[in-house]
Amino acid sequence: MKINIKRKIRSGMTLIEIAVVVMILGAIIAIVAININPGELKDDTASLQLKKDAQELQMHLERYANKYGTYPTEEQGLKALVEKPTNGDNIPEDYVAIIKNKKGIEDPWGTPYQLKFDNGEVAIYSLGKDKKEGGDGKNADFNILNDEEYPTAFKK
């Protein structure tokens, strides 16, 4: 005796199966979204930009000093890397911009870095997240060339 059993071949998923998959994906997305703090992501991005800017600006200042025989003055600031200084001593006659874009001398919050000389050493200061002098934490002013001065949120 031969039994002929035909199996029903299923194609695709049922509506209930699709609904279950969508609910599981929704739960996973909700859990991930709750655990990600956008503020921390922005701080990580700022920290990376600060470190990159520190290296690049230090290199650009060295190029300026090698080309013109001296660093820009505090009064001229880092703006001297972008355009010919109009004030102070040692204004180069044969000036050529070291940096082409003013964004290259701004911190992650859009404020121009400030050039200072601490005991003869070059220092480049950010006014911090609040864009004002003074402040604490993320709003503190700090020398981007010295990792020890970075606010805790940016020491990653």
C-alpha atoms as a PDB file:
ATOM      1  CA  MET A   1       0.000   0.000   0.000  1.00  0.00           C
ATOM      2  CA  LYS A   2       1.367   3.294  -1.083  1.00  0.00           C
ATOM      3  CA  ILE A   3       0.462   6.381   0.884  1.00  0.00           C
ATOM      4  CA  ASN A   4       0.718   9.575  -1.024  1.00  0.00           C
ATOM      5  CA  ILE A   5       1.176  12.392   1.432  1.00  0.00           C
ATOM      6  CA  LYS A   6       1.494  15.807  -0.030  1.00  0.00           C
ATOM      7  CA  ARG A   7       3.149  18.372   2.076  1.00  0.00           C
ATOM      8  CA  LYS A   8       2.016  21.892   1.849  1.00  0.00           C
ATOM      9  CA  ILE A   9       4.974  24.090   0.930  1.00  0.00           C
ATOM     10  CA  ARG A  10       4.888  27.365   2.780  1.00  0.00           C
ATOM     11  CA  SER A  11       6.050  30.429   1.012  1.00  0.00           C
ATOM     12  CA  GLY A  12       6.658  33.657   2.924  1.00  0.00           C
ATOM     13  CA  MET A  13       5.696  34.529   6.468  1.00  0.00           C
ATOM     14  CA  THR A  14       2.330  34.927   8.071  1.00  0.00           C
ATOM     15  CA  LEU A  15       1.096  38.249   9.338  1.00  0.00           C
ATOM     16  CA  ILE A  16       1.582  37.126  12.938  1.00  0.00           C
ATOM     17  CA  GLU A  17       5.208  36.147  12.301  1.00  0.00           C
ATOM     18  CA  ILE A  18       5.909  39.530  10.723  1.00  0.00           C
ATOM     19  CA  ALA A  19       4.270  41.311  13.670  1.00  0.00           C
ATOM     20  CA  VAL A  20       6.429  39.349  16.142  1.00  0.00           C
ATOM     21  CA  VAL A  21       9.633  40.231  14.245  1.00  0.00           C
ATOM     22  CA  VAL A  22       8.656  43.921  14.133  1.00  0.00           C
ATOM     23  CA  MET A  23       7.944  43.935  17.895  1.00  0.00           C
ATOM     24  CA  ILE A  24      11.294  42.295  18.675  1.00  0.00           C
ATOM     25  CA  LEU A  25      13.172  44.792  16.482  1.00  0.00           C
ATOM     26  CA  GLY A  26      11.266  47.673  18.097  1.00  0.00           C
ATOM     27  CA  ALA A  27      12.219  46.451  21.578  1.00  0.00           C
ATOM     28  CA  ILE A  28      15.896  46.155  20.603  1.00  0.00           C
ATOM     29  CA  ILE A  29      15.919  49.651  19.077  1.00  0.00           C
ATOM     30  CA  ALA A  30      14.235  51.091  22.188  1.00  0.00           C
ATOM     31  CA  ILE A  31      16.806  49.478  24.504  1.00  0.00           C
ATOM     32  CA  VAL A  32      19.720  50.752  22.412  1.00  0.00           C
ATOM     33  CA  ALA A  33      18.245  54.261  22.116  1.00  0.00           C
ATOM     34  CA  ILE A  34      17.739  54.523  25.880  1.00  0.00           C
ATOM     35  CA  ASN A  35      21.353  53.520  26.562  1.00  0.00           C
ATOM     36  CA  ILE A  36      22.901  56.007  24.135  1.00  0.00           C
ATOM     37  CA  ASN A  37      23.359  59.480  25.536  1.00  0.00           C
ATOM     38  CA  PRO A  38      23.641  61.963  22.645  1.00  0.00           C
ATOM     39  CA  GLY A  39      25.504  64.377  24.913  1.00  0.00           C
ATOM     40  CA  GLU A  40      28.278  61.834  25.414  1.00  0.00           C
ATOM     41  CA  LEU A  41      28.556  61.294  21.672  1.00  0.00           C
ATOM     42  CA  LYS A  42      28.963  65.040  21.135  1.00  0.00           C
ATOM     43  CA  ASP A  43      31.616  65.167  23.871  1.00  0.00           C
ATOM     44  CA  ASP A  44      33.511  62.304  22.212  1.00  0.00           C
ATOM     45  CA  THR A  45      33.393  64.123  18.879  1.00  0.00           C
ATOM     46  CA  ALA A  46      34.577  67.363  20.510  1.00  0.00           C
ATOM     47  CA  SER A  47      37.396  65.490  22.244  1.00  0.00           C
ATOM     48  CA  LEU A  48      38.596  64.019  18.955  1.00  0.00           C
ATOM     49  CA  GLN A  49      38.440  67.404  17.225  1.00  0.00           C
ATOM     50  CA  LEU A  50      40.363  69.077  20.067  1.00  0.00           C
ATOM     51  CA  LYS A  51      43.176  66.539  19.812  1.00  0.00           C
ATOM     52  CA  LYS A  52      43.273  66.822  16.006  1.00  0.00           C
ATOM     53  CA  ASP A  53      43.245  70.633  16.185  1.00  0.00           C
ATOM     54  CA  ALA A  54      46.052  70.614  18.764  1.00  0.00           C
ATOM     55  CA  GLN A  55      48.328  68.628  16.454  1.00  0.00           C
ATOM     56  CA  GLU A  56      47.430  70.589  13.321  1.00  0.00           C
ATOM     57  CA  LEU A  57      47.667  74.056  14.879  1.00  0.00           C
ATOM     58  CA  GLN A  58      50.980  73.249  16.518  1.00  0.00           C
ATOM     59  CA  MET A  59      52.299  72.092  13.135  1.00  0.00           C
ATOM     60  CA  HIS A  60      50.945  75.245  11.401  1.00  0.00           C
ATOM     61  CA  LEU A  61      52.543  77.498  14.034  1.00  0.00           C
ATOM     62  CA  GLU A  62      55.885  75.755  13.486  1.00  0.00           C
ATOM     63  CA  ARG A  63      55.559  76.307   9.721  1.00  0.00           C
ATOM     64  CA  TYR A  64      54.757  79.994  10.346  1.00  0.00           C
ATOM     65  CA  ALA A  65      57.772  80.368  12.663  1.00  0.00           C
ATOM     66  CA  ASN A  66      60.082  78.600  10.190  1.00  0.00           C
ATOM     67  CA  LYS A  67      58.861  80.728   7.291  1.00  0.00           C
ATOM     68  CA  TYR A  68      58.749  84.138   9.013  1.00  0.00           C
ATOM     69  CA  GLY A  69      61.353  83.690  11.756  1.00  0.00           C
ATOM     70  CA  THR A  70      58.944  84.130  14.686  1.00  0.00           C
ATOM     71  CA  TYR A  71      55.565  83.064  15.990  1.00  0.00           C
ATOM     72  CA  PRO A  72      52.585  85.392  15.634  1.00  0.00           C
ATOM     73  CA  THR A  73      52.138  87.618  18.693  1.00  0.00           C
ATOM     74  CA  GLU A  74      49.296  87.064  21.161  1.00  0.00           C
ATOM     75  CA  GLU A  75      47.733  90.205  19.733  1.00  0.00           C
ATOM     76  CA  GLN A  76      47.877  88.800  16.187  1.00  0.00           C
ATOM     77  CA  GLY A  77      46.713  85.408  17.410  1.00  0.00           C
ATOM     78  CA  LEU A  78      46.046  82.373  15.271  1.00  0.00           C
ATOM     79  CA  LYS A  79      44.283  84.639  12.794  1.00  0.00           C
ATOM     80  CA  ALA A  80      47.811  85.308  11.479  1.00  0.00           C
ATOM     81  CA  LEU A  81      47.766  81.761  10.094  1.00  0.00           C
ATOM     82  CA  VAL A  82      44.765  82.656   7.916  1.00  0.00           C
ATOM     83  CA  GLU A  83      45.350  86.281   6.912  1.00  0.00           C
ATOM     84  CA  LYS A  84      48.188  88.791   6.964  1.00  0.00           C
ATOM     85  CA  PRO A  85      48.533  90.448  10.379  1.00  0.00           C
ATOM     86  CA  THR A  86      47.799  94.169  10.440  1.00  0.00           C
ATOM     87  CA  ASN A  87      49.000  94.917  13.965  1.00  0.00           C
ATOM     88  CA  GLY A  88      51.966  94.222  16.192  1.00  0.00           C
ATOM     89  CA  ASP A  89      55.620  93.674  15.385  1.00  0.00           C
ATOM     90  CA  ASN A  90      57.144  91.389  12.782  1.00  0.00           C
ATOM     91  CA  ILE A  91      54.489  91.681  10.085  1.00  0.00           C
ATOM     92  CA  PRO A  92      55.818  89.597   7.182  1.00  0.00           C
ATOM     93  CA  GLU A  93      56.126  91.455   3.859  1.00  0.00           C
ATOM     94  CA  ASP A  94      55.939  88.281   1.763  1.00  0.00           C
ATOM     95  CA  TYR A  95      52.956  86.851   3.669  1.00  0.00           C
ATOM     96  CA  VAL A  96      51.216  83.719   2.381  1.00  0.00           C
ATOM     97  CA  ALA A  97      48.394  82.134   4.415  1.00  0.00           C
ATOM     98  CA  ILE A  98      49.329  78.904   6.197  1.00  0.00           C
ATOM     99  CA  ILE A  99      45.667  77.877   6.623  1.00  0.00           C
ATOM    100  CA  LYS A 100      43.126  78.634   3.900  1.00  0.00           C
ATOM    101  CA  ASN A 101      39.937  78.387   5.981  1.00  0.00           C
ATOM    102  CA  LYS A 102      39.068  80.294   9.190  1.00  0.00           C
ATOM    103  CA  LYS A 103      37.273  77.179  10.473  1.00  0.00           C
ATOM    104  CA  GLY A 104      40.751  75.735  10.990  1.00  0.00           C
ATOM    105  CA  ILE A 105      41.351  78.096  13.914  1.00  0.00           C
ATOM    106  CA  GLU A 106      37.992  77.500  15.653  1.00  0.00           C
ATOM    107  CA  ASP A 107      37.237  75.093  18.480  1.00  0.00           C
ATOM    108  CA  PRO A 108      34.447  72.471  18.225  1.00  0.00           C
ATOM    109  CA  TRP A 109      31.907  75.100  19.351  1.00  0.00           C
ATOM    110  CA  GLY A 110      32.826  77.647  16.669  1.00  0.00           C
ATOM    111  CA  THR A 111      34.865  80.017  18.845  1.00  0.00           C
ATOM    112  CA  PRO A 112      38.352  81.034  17.645  1.00  0.00           C
ATOM    113  CA  TYR A 113      41.199  79.481  19.632  1.00  0.00           C
ATOM    114  CA  GLN A 114      43.362  81.969  21.523  1.00  0.00           C
ATOM    115  CA  LEU A 115      47.139  82.014  21.156  1.00  0.00           C
ATOM    116  CA  LYS A 116      49.086  82.663  24.353  1.00  0.00           C
ATOM    117  CA  PHE A 117      52.636  82.218  25.545  1.00  0.00           C
ATOM    118  CA  ASP A 118      52.980  80.629  29.006  1.00  0.00           C
ATOM    119  CA  ASN A 119      56.564  81.062  30.275  1.00  0.00           C
ATOM    120  CA  GLY A 120      57.785  81.255  26.684  1.00  0.00           C
ATOM    121  CA  GLU A 121      55.899  78.110  25.668  1.00  0.00           C
ATOM    122  CA  VAL A 122      53.195  78.217  22.996  1.00  0.00           C
ATOM    123  CA  ALA A 123      49.699  77.623  24.376  1.00  0.00           C
ATOM    124  CA  ILE A 124      46.436  77.457  22.435  1.00  0.00           C
ATOM    125  CA  TYR A 125      43.316  78.011  24.517  1.00  0.00           C
ATOM    126  CA  SER A 126      39.702  77.074  23.952  1.00  0.00           C
ATOM    127  CA  LEU A 127      37.066  79.010  25.878  1.00  0.00           C
ATOM    128  CA  GLY A 128      35.135  75.777  26.348  1.00  0.00           C
ATOM    129  CA  LYS A 129      31.594  74.827  25.524  1.00  0.00           C
ATOM    130  CA  ASP A 130      30.039  78.056  26.863  1.00  0.00           C
ATOM    131  CA  LYS A 131      32.249  80.217  24.565  1.00  0.00           C
ATOM    132  CA  LYS A 132      33.005  82.586  27.485  1.00  0.00           C
ATOM    133  CA  GLU A 133      36.106  83.203  29.562  1.00  0.00           C
ATOM    134  CA  GLY A 134      36.175  81.307  32.839  1.00  0.00           C
ATOM    135  CA  GLY A 135      33.815  78.507  33.734  1.00  0.00           C
ATOM    136  CA  ASP A 136      33.965  75.024  35.188  1.00  0.00           C
ATOM    137  CA  GLY A 137      33.798  71.526  33.736  1.00  0.00           C
ATOM    138  CA  LYS A 138      32.981  71.524  30.016  1.00  0.00           C
ATOM    139  CA  ASN A 139      32.793  75.331  30.139  1.00  0.00           C
ATOM    140  CA  ALA A 140      36.336  75.787  31.488  1.00  0.00           C
ATOM    141  CA  ASP A 141      39.072  77.496  29.476  1.00  0.00           C
ATOM    142  CA  PHE A 142      41.956  75.113  28.756  1.00  0.00           C
ATOM    143  CA  ASN A 143      45.156  74.751  26.764  1.00  0.00           C
ATOM    144  CA  ILE A 144      44.493  72.215  24.012  1.00  0.00           C
ATOM    145  CA  LEU A 145      48.224  71.451  23.773  1.00  0.00           C
ATOM    146  CA  ASN A 146      48.252  70.096  27.347  1.00  0.00           C
ATOM    147  CA  ASP A 147      46.140  66.942  27.869  1.00  0.00           C
ATOM    148  CA  GLU A 148      46.259  67.442  31.649  1.00  0.00           C
ATOM    149  CA  GLU A 149      44.298  70.707  31.354  1.00  0.00           C
ATOM    150  CA  TYR A 150      41.405  69.151  29.405  1.00  0.00           C
ATOM    151  CA  PRO A 151      38.079  69.066  31.280  1.00  0.00           C
ATOM    152  CA  THR A 152      37.236  65.522  32.399  1.00  0.00           C
ATOM    153  CA  ALA A 153      34.490  65.144  29.767  1.00  0.00           C
ATOM    154  CA  PHE A 154      37.070  65.612  26.996  1.00  0.00           C
ATOM    155  CA  LYS A 155      39.843  63.348  28.355  1.00  0.00           C
ATOM    156  CA  LYS A 156      38.663  60.265  26.476  1.00  0.00           C
END
